Protein backbone atom coordinates (compact mmCIF):
# COMPACT_ATOMS: atom_id res chain seq x y z
CA MET A 1 233.38 163.59 26.34
CA PRO A 2 236.69 164.11 27.39
CA PRO A 3 237.55 167.08 29.56
CA PHE A 4 240.32 168.24 26.60
CA LEU A 5 237.61 168.24 23.88
CA GLN A 6 234.83 169.74 25.93
CA ILE A 7 237.14 172.80 26.69
CA ALA A 8 238.39 173.05 23.30
CA LEU A 9 234.83 173.33 22.18
CA ILE A 10 233.43 175.78 24.60
CA THR A 11 236.74 177.90 23.73
CA LEU A 12 236.02 177.56 20.12
CA ALA A 13 232.25 178.82 20.73
CA ALA A 14 233.17 181.79 22.94
CA MET A 15 235.95 182.81 20.57
CA LEU A 16 233.19 182.60 17.49
CA ALA A 17 230.89 184.51 19.54
CA GLY A 18 233.18 187.20 20.62
CA ALA A 19 234.50 187.68 17.09
CA ALA A 20 231.05 187.96 15.76
CA VAL A 21 230.25 190.80 18.66
CA VAL A 22 233.14 192.74 17.42
CA HIS A 23 232.17 192.48 13.79
CA LEU A 24 228.45 193.24 14.59
CA VAL A 25 228.89 196.03 17.22
CA PRO A 26 229.78 199.08 14.50
CA ARG A 27 226.56 198.36 12.50
CA LEU A 28 224.43 199.12 15.44
CA GLY A 29 224.01 202.80 14.96
CA PRO A 30 225.78 205.68 16.87
CA ALA A 31 225.65 203.66 20.06
CA GLY A 32 227.67 200.86 18.52
CA ARG A 33 229.83 203.18 16.74
CA ALA A 34 230.81 204.65 19.98
CA VAL A 35 231.20 201.30 21.44
CA SER A 36 233.33 200.47 18.55
CA LEU A 37 235.62 203.39 19.14
CA TRP A 38 235.91 202.60 22.52
CA LEU A 39 237.23 199.15 21.83
CA CYS A 40 239.84 200.75 19.85
CA ARG A 41 241.56 202.51 22.57
CA ALA A 42 242.52 202.02 26.06
CA PRO A 43 240.89 200.57 28.56
CA GLY A 44 238.58 199.18 25.75
CA LEU A 45 241.27 197.51 23.66
CA ASP A 46 242.81 196.09 26.80
CA LEU A 47 239.53 194.13 27.43
CA ALA A 48 239.07 192.94 24.16
CA ILE A 49 242.79 191.66 23.84
CA THR A 50 242.34 189.92 27.24
CA TYR A 51 239.17 188.25 26.15
CA PHE A 52 240.94 187.21 23.02
CA THR A 53 244.27 185.88 24.58
CA ALA A 54 244.05 185.34 28.47
CA GLY A 55 240.39 184.40 28.82
CA PRO A 56 240.49 181.15 26.89
CA MET A 57 243.30 180.07 29.44
CA ILE A 58 241.58 181.50 32.55
CA ALA A 59 238.00 180.07 31.42
CA GLY A 60 239.38 176.73 30.42
CA ARG A 61 241.02 176.09 33.82
CA SER A 62 238.23 177.10 35.87
CA ARG A 63 235.92 174.70 33.61
CA ALA A 64 238.02 171.82 34.41
CA PRO A 65 239.24 172.27 37.91
CA GLY A 66 240.01 168.54 38.19
CA LEU A 67 242.94 168.87 35.44
CA ARG A 68 246.26 169.54 36.79
CA GLY A 69 249.39 170.68 34.64
CA ARG A 70 252.70 168.61 34.79
């Protein structure tokens, strides 16, 4: 499988899993609601934003170290 396709599929799976977790957390009772509220304010919001924006770039690069930018 080409490295680009492998990275794209792994990134897609990670983004879908992250979205599923974010949607599931508030339904986990009082503890889940507390986590959900934590994710709505800093630093929890910063972690969520980093996971969905910078995380794929960092993980993709670490997954295929042989790829070099031009």
